[in-house]
Amino acid sequence: MPGLLDIVGQDAALAQLERLVAAGRRPHAFVFAGPEGVGRRTTAVEFARLLLCEQPARRPNAGRLAELPEDFPLQQGCGACSSCRALTAGTHPDLHIVYRQLARYHDDSKVRARVMQDLGIDVVRQFLIAPAYRASSAGRGKVFVVRETELMSDAAQNALLKTLEEPPEGVTIILICTSVIELLPTTRSRCQTVRFGPLPREFVTAALQAQGIEPAEARFWAGMTEGSVGRAAQLAAEDLYEFKRRLVDSLAGLTLSGSASLAERLVKTMEKLGKRRQSRDEGLAGTLANRQAGQMLLELIAGVYRDAMAVACGADKPLIHADQPEAIARIAEHFGAEALAEILTQLGRFEQLLWRNLNAKILWDNLAATCATAAPLEV
């Protein structure tokens, strides 16, 4: 596992953390905010390693982080002490990873039996608040890393407020989310925000190719995920690349009479991907799994029309679907910038409807018709 200073592409976040550690006045609660798969979780664990390490390794900056002076003393976990070895093995008693699936291990059988759609108050109370007030095993404090904090219910966030504001001595809480806006203002105000940005496309492309993915597909997923190695690798593993190529070709030749057939394919694909997600994530609600899959399909489709808009407007920017330039050019020529703007507006509405109780067939029927005609439809 890379050390804290080996993490790539997040120098601003690392510099912020190094300053806080060196100042000796670090906050006891953080929000690590940024896209999925760009190193938030890895940074959180490696920061925990530093905080729990028996004898942290120190070295001068010497150009590693451009935002800091050359002689700034950088620190990271040594990797060799008993604390670091336990953390590497995943057995450190003072590092707690909190996530919604812990509900299946809850003391209450009723909680264990629930379908997990959010990170609820029962999980937060048993696996974060209660252990935070127990003594640390090694005497160097405790670190709690909370994944998918955007899924934390309002009740859970409110229950956590006192612990965020006045935690026991030595307790550090790191909330990981995609955007701080998704948290309650009272939660945000009690935490130090550390922002993580997207990784360079070239870096993501190279990482995917190192996993055996063909160059054209690697470049596509790198652009589609806007610089997220983790999400790009996950989507590539779904074997969706050939589906996406067929989808783009279908959209390039789509007519209103053919929209029903496209909608049917999208419904079936969403359901298939939803089942895959459920098989990987035990206890995940079928409704949530389908919505997540539908969200990904909507992103694919929106990327097509954003590319077409760029071509129609003569924008000098790399295309997401650069592997199918002819299809994108056909869509741009057929609709023009004004109609493409209307389609993108409607796709935003369909994304909102996806997360409501709208029948999937109605949603995809209307979406396919919109993609064929650019007509604003009411659903």
Protein backbone atom coordinates (compact mmCIF):
# COMPACT_ATOMS: atom_id res chain seq x y z
CA MET A 1 0.00 0.00 0.00
CA PRO A 2 1.40 3.46 -0.89
CA GLY A 3 2.53 5.70 1.94
CA LEU A 4 0.88 9.08 2.46
CA LEU A 5 3.55 10.85 0.41
CA ASP A 6 3.31 8.27 -2.41
CA ILE A 7 -0.28 9.24 -3.23
CA VAL A 8 -0.42 10.70 -6.74
CA GLY A 9 -2.39 13.65 -8.05
CA GLN A 10 -3.60 15.09 -4.72
CA ASP A 11 -0.72 17.35 -3.73
CA ALA A 12 -2.96 20.19 -2.53
CA ALA A 13 -4.79 17.86 -0.14
CA LEU A 14 -1.51 16.34 1.11
CA ALA A 15 0.02 19.79 1.65
CA GLN A 16 -3.01 20.85 3.69
CA LEU A 17 -2.76 17.76 5.91
CA GLU A 18 1.02 18.13 6.34
CA ARG A 19 0.60 21.75 7.42
CA LEU A 20 -1.99 20.78 10.02
CA VAL A 21 0.16 17.98 11.45
CA ALA A 22 3.28 20.18 11.58
CA ALA A 23 1.36 22.98 13.31
CA GLY A 24 0.36 20.61 16.12
CA ARG A 25 -3.18 22.03 16.09
CA ARG A 26 -4.90 19.63 13.74
CA PRO A 27 -8.70 19.44 13.82
CA HIS A 28 -10.38 16.39 15.28
CA ALA A 29 -12.92 16.10 12.45
CA PHE A 30 -12.40 16.25 8.68
CA VAL A 31 -14.44 16.02 5.51
CA PHE A 32 -12.51 14.52 2.58
CA ALA A 33 -14.59 15.70 -0.38
CA GLY A 34 -14.11 14.90 -4.05
CA PRO A 35 -14.96 12.49 -6.86
CA GLU A 36 -15.05 8.76 -6.27
CA GLY A 37 -11.88 6.81 -6.96
CA VAL A 38 -9.34 9.65 -6.79
CA GLY A 39 -7.61 8.65 -3.54
CA ARG A 40 -9.85 9.96 -0.75
CA ARG A 41 -10.10 6.61 1.05
CA THR A 42 -6.43 5.74 0.54
CA THR A 43 -5.42 9.17 1.87
CA ALA A 44 -7.73 8.74 4.88
CA VAL A 45 -6.19 5.38 5.78
CA GLU A 46 -2.63 6.63 5.29
CA PHE A 47 -3.38 9.74 7.35
CA ALA A 48 -4.70 7.41 10.05
CA ARG A 49 -1.45 5.45 9.81
CA LEU A 50 0.48 8.65 10.48
CA LEU A 51 -1.72 9.60 13.43
CA LEU A 52 -1.44 6.13 15.00
CA CYS A 53 2.23 5.46 14.16
CA GLU A 54 4.64 4.85 17.05
CA GLN A 55 7.48 6.76 15.39
CA PRO A 56 6.42 8.67 12.24
CA ALA A 57 8.97 8.97 9.45
CA ARG A 58 10.15 12.52 8.77
CA ARG A 59 11.91 14.01 5.78
CA PRO A 60 12.40 17.47 4.22
CA ASN A 61 9.98 18.42 1.47
CA ALA A 62 12.74 18.82 -1.14
CA GLY A 63 10.23 19.60 -3.89
CA ARG A 64 7.76 16.78 -3.19
CA LEU A 65 4.88 19.22 -2.53
CA ALA A 66 5.18 22.43 -4.55
CA GLU A 67 2.91 24.37 -2.17
CA LEU A 68 5.31 23.91 0.75
CA PRO A 69 8.83 25.29 1.32
CA GLU A 70 11.77 23.11 0.33
CA ASP A 71 12.78 22.52 3.95
CA PHE A 72 9.26 21.87 5.24
CA PRO A 73 9.28 18.72 7.43
CA LEU A 74 6.99 16.13 5.83
CA GLN A 75 5.67 13.19 7.86
CA GLN A 76 4.08 9.83 7.15
CA GLY A 77 3.66 6.51 8.96
CA CYS A 78 6.90 4.58 9.26
CA GLY A 79 5.35 1.37 7.91
CA ALA A 80 7.47 -0.80 10.20
CA CYS A 81 6.20 -0.38 13.77
CA SER A 82 3.59 -2.69 15.29
CA SER A 83 0.86 -0.09 14.71
CA CYS A 84 1.70 0.30 11.02
CA ARG A 85 1.93 -3.46 10.53
CA ALA A 86 -1.45 -3.97 12.15
CA LEU A 87 -2.97 -1.26 9.97
CA THR A 88 -1.52 -2.86 6.83
CA ALA A 89 -2.96 -6.21 7.87
CA GLY A 90 -6.36 -4.62 8.48
CA THR A 91 -6.37 -5.60 12.15
CA HIS A 92 -5.60 -2.31 13.89
CA PRO A 93 -8.00 -2.05 16.85
CA ASP A 94 -7.98 1.76 16.81
CA LEU A 95 -8.79 2.28 13.13
CA HIS A 96 -12.53 1.98 12.54
CA ILE A 97 -13.98 1.98 9.01
CA VAL A 98 -17.68 2.86 9.18
CA TYR A 99 -20.04 2.10 6.29
CA ARG A 100 -23.72 1.31 5.81
CA GLN A 101 -23.25 -2.47 5.33
CA LEU A 102 -22.19 -2.72 8.99
CA ALA A 103 -25.92 -2.86 9.66
CA ARG A 104 -25.77 -6.61 9.02
CA TYR A 105 -23.48 -6.96 12.07
CA HIS A 106 -25.61 -4.80 14.38
CA ASP A 107 -26.61 -6.14 17.79
CA ASP A 108 -30.29 -5.59 17.01
CA SER A 109 -31.78 -8.26 14.73
CA LYS A 110 -34.33 -5.76 13.42
CA VAL A 111 -31.51 -3.55 12.16
CA ARG A 112 -29.76 -6.56 10.62
CA ALA A 113 -32.91 -7.45 8.71
CA ARG A 114 -33.38 -4.03 7.15
CA VAL A 115 -32.63 -3.22 3.53
CA MET A 116 -29.69 -0.82 3.52
CA GLN A 117 -30.39 2.32 1.52
CA ASP A 118 -28.58 4.81 3.75
CA LEU A 119 -26.01 5.04 6.50
CA GLY A 120 -28.45 5.12 9.38
CA ILE A 121 -28.44 6.25 12.96
CA ASP A 122 -28.23 2.69 14.33
CA VAL A 123 -24.94 2.02 12.53
CA VAL A 124 -23.48 5.40 13.51
CA ARG A 125 -24.38 4.94 17.17
CA GLN A 126 -23.01 1.39 17.53
CA PHE A 127 -19.95 1.57 15.29
CA LEU A 128 -18.81 5.18 15.73
CA ILE A 129 -20.28 7.06 18.67
CA ALA A 130 -20.10 4.24 21.24
CA PRO A 131 -16.52 3.09 20.45
CA ALA A 132 -15.31 6.70 20.27
CA TYR A 133 -15.90 6.97 24.02
CA ARG A 134 -14.01 3.78 24.86
CA ALA A 135 -10.28 3.87 25.60
CA SER A 136 -7.93 3.25 22.69
CA SER A 137 -6.12 -0.08 22.66
CA ALA A 138 -2.63 1.27 21.95
CA GLY A 139 -2.97 4.58 23.78
CA ARG A 140 -2.38 6.74 20.69
CA GLY A 141 -5.98 7.65 20.04
CA LYS A 142 -8.53 6.37 17.54
CA VAL A 143 -9.39 7.19 13.95
CA PHE A 144 -12.84 6.70 12.41
CA VAL A 145 -13.12 6.76 8.61
CA VAL A 146 -16.73 7.06 7.47
CA ARG A 147 -17.33 6.02 3.87
CA GLU A 148 -20.16 7.33 1.66
CA THR A 149 -21.07 10.05 4.13
CA GLU A 150 -23.46 11.52 1.55
CA LEU A 151 -25.66 8.48 2.34
CA MET A 152 -25.76 9.32 6.06
CA SER A 153 -29.31 10.09 7.13
CA ASP A 154 -30.15 13.43 8.73
CA ALA A 155 -30.93 11.62 11.98
CA ALA A 156 -27.50 9.96 11.95
CA GLN A 157 -25.74 13.27 11.25
CA ASN A 158 -27.62 14.98 14.06
CA ALA A 159 -26.74 12.16 16.47
CA LEU A 160 -23.07 12.60 15.54
CA LEU A 161 -22.91 16.36 16.08
CA LYS A 162 -21.83 16.29 19.73
CA THR A 163 -19.05 13.79 18.99
CA LEU A 164 -17.87 15.91 16.05
CA GLU A 165 -17.82 19.06 18.16
CA GLU A 166 -16.34 17.65 21.37
CA PRO A 167 -14.86 14.21 20.73
CA PRO A 168 -12.91 12.34 23.40
CA GLU A 169 -9.22 13.24 23.49
CA GLY A 170 -7.24 11.55 20.71
CA VAL A 171 -10.27 10.74 18.54
CA THR A 172 -10.15 11.80 14.88
CA ILE A 173 -13.15 11.43 12.56
CA ILE A 174 -12.80 11.55 8.76
CA LEU A 175 -16.00 11.80 6.73
CA ILE A 176 -15.60 10.83 3.06
CA CYS A 177 -18.11 12.26 0.58
CA THR A 178 -18.38 13.43 -3.01
CA SER A 179 -19.51 16.96 -2.11
CA VAL A 180 -19.77 18.88 1.13
CA ILE A 181 -23.09 20.30 -0.07
CA GLU A 182 -24.62 16.86 0.47
CA LEU A 183 -23.98 17.15 4.23
CA LEU A 184 -26.03 19.13 6.71
CA PRO A 185 -24.63 22.62 7.40
CA THR A 186 -24.28 21.69 11.08
CA THR A 187 -22.09 18.73 10.09
CA ARG A 188 -19.96 20.75 7.68
CA SER A 189 -19.36 23.52 10.21
CA ARG A 190 -17.78 21.12 12.69
CA CYS A 191 -15.24 19.68 10.24
CA GLN A 192 -12.14 20.81 8.36
CA THR A 193 -12.77 20.27 4.65
CA VAL A 194 -9.99 18.76 2.53
CA ARG A 195 -10.78 18.83 -1.18
CA PHE A 196 -9.67 16.18 -3.66
CA GLY A 197 -9.64 16.88 -7.39
CA PRO A 198 -9.86 14.62 -10.45
CA LEU A 199 -6.72 12.86 -11.59
CA PRO A 200 -5.17 13.63 -15.00
CA ARG A 201 -6.74 11.62 -17.82
CA GLU A 202 -3.32 10.42 -18.90
CA PHE A 203 -2.66 8.98 -15.45
CA VAL A 204 -6.02 7.18 -15.36
CA THR A 205 -5.53 5.86 -18.90
CA ALA A 206 -2.10 4.47 -18.03
CA ALA A 207 -3.43 2.87 -14.84
CA LEU A 208 -6.20 1.11 -16.78
CA GLN A 209 -3.82 -0.07 -19.49
CA ALA A 210 -1.59 -1.51 -16.78
CA GLN A 211 -4.61 -3.65 -15.81
CA GLY A 212 -4.79 -5.05 -19.35
CA ILE A 213 -7.49 -2.76 -20.77
CA GLU A 214 -7.09 -1.84 -24.44
CA PRO A 215 -5.92 1.76 -25.10
CA ALA A 216 -9.13 3.02 -26.77
CA GLU A 217 -11.32 1.67 -23.98
CA ALA A 218 -8.92 2.96 -21.31
CA ARG A 219 -9.01 6.46 -22.82
CA PHE A 220 -12.80 6.36 -22.94
CA TRP A 221 -13.29 5.36 -19.30
CA ALA A 222 -10.66 7.90 -18.18
CA GLY A 223 -12.65 10.67 -19.88
CA MET A 224 -16.05 9.32 -18.89
CA THR A 225 -15.15 9.27 -15.18
CA GLU A 226 -13.38 12.65 -15.29
CA GLY A 227 -10.17 11.42 -13.72
CA SER A 228 -11.29 8.69 -11.30
CA VAL A 229 -9.10 5.59 -11.37
CA GLY A 230 -11.33 3.63 -9.01
CA ARG A 231 -14.57 4.36 -10.84
CA ALA A 232 -12.99 3.87 -14.27
CA ALA A 233 -11.68 0.45 -13.23
CA GLN A 234 -15.07 -0.48 -11.77
CA LEU A 235 -16.95 0.48 -14.94
CA ALA A 236 -14.41 -1.25 -17.17
CA ALA A 237 -14.96 -4.42 -15.13
CA GLU A 238 -18.69 -4.25 -15.97
CA ASP A 239 -17.87 -5.21 -19.60
CA LEU A 240 -19.88 -2.24 -20.81
CA TYR A 241 -17.57 -0.92 -23.50
CA GLU A 242 -19.15 -2.78 -26.42
CA PHE A 243 -22.60 -1.87 -25.11
CA LYS A 244 -21.61 1.80 -25.02
CA ARG A 245 -20.33 1.62 -28.61
CA ARG A 246 -23.63 0.15 -29.78
CA LEU A 247 -25.50 2.75 -27.75
CA VAL A 248 -23.64 5.65 -29.39
CA ASP A 249 -24.28 4.21 -32.86
CA SER A 250 -27.97 3.79 -31.98
CA LEU A 251 -28.26 7.39 -30.82
CA ALA A 252 -26.58 8.60 -34.02
CA GLY A 253 -29.29 6.98 -36.13
CA LEU A 254 -32.20 7.22 -33.69
CA THR A 255 -35.71 8.01 -34.98
CA LEU A 256 -38.94 8.34 -33.06
CA SER A 257 -40.16 5.02 -34.46
CA GLY A 258 -37.04 3.30 -33.15
CA SER A 259 -37.07 4.92 -29.73
CA ALA A 260 -39.25 2.21 -28.12
CA SER A 261 -36.69 -0.46 -29.01
CA LEU A 262 -33.89 1.62 -27.49
CA ALA A 263 -35.92 2.21 -24.34
CA GLU A 264 -36.50 -1.52 -23.94
CA ARG A 265 -32.76 -2.18 -24.20
CA LEU A 266 -32.03 0.49 -21.60
CA VAL A 267 -34.57 -0.98 -19.16
CA LYS A 268 -33.08 -4.46 -19.53
CA THR A 269 -29.53 -3.18 -19.19
CA MET A 270 -30.39 -1.17 -16.08
CA GLU A 271 -31.97 -4.23 -14.46
CA LYS A 272 -29.02 -6.45 -15.38
CA LEU A 273 -26.50 -3.99 -13.99
CA GLY A 274 -28.62 -3.53 -10.87
CA LYS A 275 -28.53 -7.28 -10.21
CA ARG A 276 -24.76 -7.28 -10.63
CA ARG A 277 -24.45 -4.49 -8.07
CA GLN A 278 -26.62 -6.42 -5.63
CA SER A 279 -24.47 -9.52 -6.05
CA ARG A 280 -21.37 -7.47 -5.17
CA ASP A 281 -23.02 -5.54 -2.34
CA GLU A 282 -24.91 -7.91 -0.08
CA GLY A 283 -28.02 -6.32 1.36
CA LEU A 284 -28.18 -3.48 -1.17
CA ALA A 285 -31.80 -2.65 -1.92
CA GLY A 286 -32.89 -3.57 -5.44
CA THR A 287 -34.42 -0.12 -5.94
CA LEU A 288 -31.18 1.61 -5.01
CA ALA A 289 -29.11 -0.77 -7.16
CA ASN A 290 -31.31 -0.08 -10.19
CA ARG A 291 -31.17 3.66 -9.64
CA GLN A 292 -27.38 3.56 -9.40
CA ALA A 293 -27.24 1.56 -12.64
CA GLY A 294 -29.69 3.96 -14.30
CA GLN A 295 -27.57 6.91 -13.18
CA MET A 296 -24.56 5.39 -14.92
CA LEU A 297 -26.53 4.86 -18.17
CA LEU A 298 -27.73 8.46 -18.02
CA GLU A 299 -24.12 9.61 -17.65
CA LEU A 300 -23.17 7.63 -20.75
CA ILE A 301 -26.00 9.18 -22.76
CA ALA A 302 -25.40 12.72 -21.48
CA GLY A 303 -21.72 12.37 -22.44
CA VAL A 304 -22.77 11.68 -26.04
CA TYR A 305 -24.80 14.88 -26.28
CA ARG A 306 -22.20 16.98 -24.48
CA ASP A 307 -19.66 15.78 -27.06
CA ALA A 308 -22.09 16.61 -29.87
CA MET A 309 -22.63 20.08 -28.36
CA ALA A 310 -18.88 20.65 -28.30
CA VAL A 311 -18.64 19.68 -31.97
CA ALA A 312 -21.67 21.80 -32.94
CA CYS A 313 -20.17 24.83 -31.16
CA GLY A 314 -16.64 24.25 -32.49
CA ALA A 315 -15.27 23.97 -28.95
CA ASP A 316 -11.64 22.95 -28.67
CA LYS A 317 -11.93 20.25 -26.02
CA PRO A 318 -11.25 16.50 -25.90
CA LEU A 319 -14.30 14.34 -26.55
CA ILE A 320 -15.39 11.65 -24.10
CA HIS A 321 -16.48 9.45 -27.00
CA ALA A 322 -13.41 10.24 -29.08
CA ASP A 323 -13.36 6.61 -30.26
CA GLN A 324 -16.59 7.25 -32.24
CA PRO A 325 -16.10 10.70 -33.81
CA GLU A 326 -18.26 9.98 -36.86
CA ALA A 327 -21.31 9.12 -34.74
CA ILE A 328 -20.84 12.24 -32.60
CA ALA A 329 -20.50 14.40 -35.73
CA ARG A 330 -23.75 12.96 -37.14
CA ILE A 331 -25.64 13.85 -33.95
CA ALA A 332 -24.15 17.36 -33.92
CA GLU A 333 -25.07 17.97 -37.56
CA HIS A 334 -28.58 16.54 -37.19
CA PHE A 335 -29.63 18.61 -34.17
CA GLY A 336 -27.46 21.71 -33.94
CA ALA A 337 -26.49 23.52 -30.75
CA GLU A 338 -29.96 24.78 -29.76
CA ALA A 339 -31.67 21.38 -29.94
CA LEU A 340 -28.72 19.70 -28.23
CA ALA A 341 -29.02 22.18 -25.35
CA GLU A 342 -32.69 21.19 -25.02
CA ILE A 343 -31.79 17.48 -24.93
CA LEU A 344 -29.20 18.07 -22.22
CA THR A 345 -31.73 20.07 -20.20
CA GLN A 346 -34.24 17.23 -20.47
CA LEU A 347 -31.59 14.64 -19.50
CA GLY A 348 -31.04 16.61 -16.31
CA ARG A 349 -34.76 16.35 -15.56
CA PHE A 350 -34.74 12.61 -16.25
CA GLU A 351 -31.87 12.21 -13.77
CA GLN A 352 -34.04 13.84 -11.10
CA LEU A 353 -36.99 11.62 -12.00
CA LEU A 354 -34.80 8.52 -11.80
CA TRP A 355 -34.42 9.03 -8.05
CA ARG A 356 -38.17 9.33 -7.54
CA ASN A 357 -40.81 6.63 -7.80
CA LEU A 358 -41.29 6.94 -11.56
CA ASN A 359 -41.87 3.69 -13.43
CA ALA A 360 -38.64 2.70 -15.22
CA LYS A 361 -40.37 1.92 -18.53
CA ILE A 362 -42.06 5.34 -18.59
CA LEU A 363 -38.77 7.06 -17.82
CA TRP A 364 -36.75 5.31 -20.53
CA ASP A 365 -39.57 5.56 -23.12
CA ASN A 366 -39.69 9.30 -22.64
CA LEU A 367 -35.93 9.67 -22.56
CA ALA A 368 -35.48 7.74 -25.82
CA ALA A 369 -38.15 9.88 -27.50
CA THR A 370 -36.39 13.03 -26.30
CA CYS A 371 -33.07 11.79 -27.70
CA ALA A 372 -34.79 11.12 -31.05
CA THR A 373 -36.63 14.43 -31.38
CA ALA A 374 -35.23 16.95 -28.83
CA ALA A 375 -38.84 17.60 -27.87
CA PRO A 376 -39.46 18.58 -24.22
CA LEU A 377 -41.73 15.92 -22.76
CA GLU A 378 -43.78 16.00 -19.58
CA VAL A 379 -43.71 12.82 -17.46
